[in-house]
Amino acid sequence: MREAPRNISGASAFSTGRSYKENEMFRSVLLWMLGIPIPIIILLWLFLD
């Protein structure tokens, strides 16, 4: 009798349906969108103060 395949990918069993590469790309874009405004806000705060 064959054993059921195990989840060895490290992803949760309740995946959102995205592949690992799509998850990495989504996370990278999200971090980029959060990281870009910070230097601009600092520059505006310094020059418009």
N, C-alpha and C. Protein backbone atom coordinates (compact mmCIF):
# COMPACT_ATOMS: atom_id res chain seq x y z
N MET A 1 0.85 -1.19 0.00
CA MET A 1 0.00 0.00 0.00
C MET A 1 0.89 1.24 0.00
N ARG A 2 0.51 2.21 -0.81
CA ARG A 2 1.32 3.42 -0.93
C ARG A 2 0.97 4.41 0.17
N GLU A 3 2.00 5.11 0.60
CA GLU A 3 1.82 6.12 1.64
C GLU A 3 1.44 7.45 1.00
N ALA A 4 0.61 8.21 1.68
CA ALA A 4 0.19 9.51 1.15
C ALA A 4 1.39 10.44 1.07
N PRO A 5 1.47 11.27 0.03
CA PRO A 5 2.60 12.21 -0.08
C PRO A 5 2.61 13.21 1.06
N ARG A 6 3.78 13.53 1.52
CA ARG A 6 3.92 14.48 2.63
C ARG A 6 4.23 15.86 2.09
N ASN A 7 3.93 16.86 2.89
CA ASN A 7 4.20 18.25 2.52
C ASN A 7 5.64 18.57 2.92
N ILE A 8 6.58 18.41 1.97
CA ILE A 8 7.99 18.63 2.28
C ILE A 8 8.48 19.98 1.76
N SER A 9 7.59 20.77 1.16
CA SER A 9 8.02 22.03 0.56
C SER A 9 8.23 23.13 1.61
N GLY A 10 7.72 22.94 2.81
CA GLY A 10 7.84 23.98 3.83
C GLY A 10 6.65 24.92 3.81
N ALA A 11 5.82 24.84 2.79
CA ALA A 11 4.63 25.69 2.72
C ALA A 11 3.54 25.06 3.59
N SER A 12 2.62 25.88 4.02
CA SER A 12 1.55 25.35 4.84
C SER A 12 0.62 24.49 4.00
N ALA A 13 -0.12 23.63 4.66
CA ALA A 13 -1.07 22.78 3.96
C ALA A 13 -2.22 23.60 3.41
N PHE A 14 -2.47 24.74 4.00
CA PHE A 14 -3.55 25.61 3.55
C PHE A 14 -2.97 26.75 2.72
N SER A 15 -2.41 26.41 1.60
CA SER A 15 -1.76 27.38 0.72
C SER A 15 -2.79 28.30 0.08
N THR A 16 -2.36 29.50 -0.29
CA THR A 16 -3.25 30.46 -0.94
C THR A 16 -3.41 30.16 -2.42
N GLY A 17 -2.75 29.14 -2.91
CA GLY A 17 -2.84 28.80 -4.32
C GLY A 17 -1.70 29.40 -5.13
N ARG A 18 -0.89 30.22 -4.53
CA ARG A 18 0.25 30.80 -5.24
C ARG A 18 1.44 29.86 -5.14
N SER A 19 2.27 29.90 -6.15
CA SER A 19 3.49 29.11 -6.10
C SER A 19 4.50 29.82 -5.20
N TYR A 20 5.58 29.11 -4.89
CA TYR A 20 6.62 29.68 -4.03
C TYR A 20 7.22 30.93 -4.67
N LYS A 21 7.46 30.87 -5.99
CA LYS A 21 8.05 32.01 -6.69
C LYS A 21 7.12 33.21 -6.68
N GLU A 22 5.81 32.97 -6.85
CA GLU A 22 4.85 34.08 -6.80
C GLU A 22 4.81 34.69 -5.40
N ASN A 23 4.88 33.86 -4.37
CA ASN A 23 4.90 34.38 -3.00
C ASN A 23 6.12 35.25 -2.76
N GLU A 24 7.28 34.80 -3.24
CA GLU A 24 8.50 35.59 -3.08
C GLU A 24 8.39 36.92 -3.82
N MET A 25 7.85 36.90 -5.03
CA MET A 25 7.71 38.12 -5.82
C MET A 25 6.73 39.08 -5.14
N PHE A 26 5.62 38.55 -4.64
CA PHE A 26 4.63 39.37 -3.94
C PHE A 26 5.25 40.03 -2.71
N ARG A 27 6.02 39.25 -1.95
CA ARG A 27 6.65 39.78 -0.75
C ARG A 27 7.69 40.85 -1.10
N SER A 28 8.45 40.62 -2.16
CA SER A 28 9.46 41.60 -2.58
C SER A 28 8.82 42.91 -3.02
N VAL A 29 7.74 42.82 -3.79
CA VAL A 29 7.04 44.03 -4.25
C VAL A 29 6.45 44.77 -3.05
N LEU A 30 5.87 44.03 -2.11
CA LEU A 30 5.28 44.66 -0.93
C LEU A 30 6.35 45.38 -0.10
N LEU A 31 7.49 44.72 0.12
CA LEU A 31 8.57 45.36 0.88
C LEU A 31 9.13 46.56 0.15
N TRP A 32 9.22 46.48 -1.19
CA TRP A 32 9.70 47.62 -1.98
C TRP A 32 8.74 48.79 -1.84
N MET A 33 7.44 48.51 -1.92
CA MET A 33 6.45 49.58 -1.81
C MET A 33 6.47 50.22 -0.42
N LEU A 34 6.77 49.44 0.59
CA LEU A 34 6.86 50.00 1.95
C LEU A 34 8.17 50.74 2.16
N GLY A 35 9.24 50.30 1.51
CA GLY A 35 10.56 50.88 1.73
C GLY A 35 10.84 52.14 0.96
N ILE A 36 10.23 52.31 -0.19
CA ILE A 36 10.50 53.49 -1.02
C ILE A 36 10.05 54.79 -0.36
N PRO A 37 8.86 54.88 0.23
CA PRO A 37 8.42 56.17 0.78
C PRO A 37 9.23 56.66 1.99
N ILE A 38 9.88 55.78 2.69
CA ILE A 38 10.57 56.17 3.93
C ILE A 38 11.67 57.22 3.66
N PRO A 39 12.59 57.01 2.71
CA PRO A 39 13.59 58.06 2.45
C PRO A 39 12.96 59.36 1.94
N ILE A 40 11.90 59.26 1.16
CA ILE A 40 11.24 60.47 0.66
C ILE A 40 10.62 61.25 1.81
N ILE A 41 9.98 60.55 2.73
CA ILE A 41 9.39 61.22 3.89
C ILE A 41 10.47 61.89 4.73
N ILE A 42 11.59 61.22 4.92
CA ILE A 42 12.69 61.80 5.70
C ILE A 42 13.24 63.05 5.01
N LEU A 43 13.42 62.97 3.69
CA LEU A 43 13.91 64.14 2.96
C LEU A 43 12.93 65.32 3.04
N LEU A 44 11.65 65.05 2.87
CA LEU A 44 10.65 66.10 2.99
C LEU A 44 10.66 66.70 4.39
N TRP A 45 10.79 65.86 5.40
CA TRP A 45 10.80 66.34 6.78
C TRP A 45 12.01 67.23 7.02
N LEU A 46 13.17 66.85 6.44
CA LEU A 46 14.38 67.64 6.64
C LEU A 46 14.31 68.99 5.91
N PHE A 47 13.81 68.99 4.68
CA PHE A 47 13.84 70.21 3.88
C PHE A 47 12.65 71.12 4.11
N LEU A 48 11.53 70.58 4.56
CA LEU A 48 10.35 71.43 4.76
C LEU A 48 10.12 71.80 6.22
N ASP A 49 11.04 71.46 7.06
CA ASP A 49 10.90 71.77 8.48
C ASP A 49 11.18 73.22 8.77
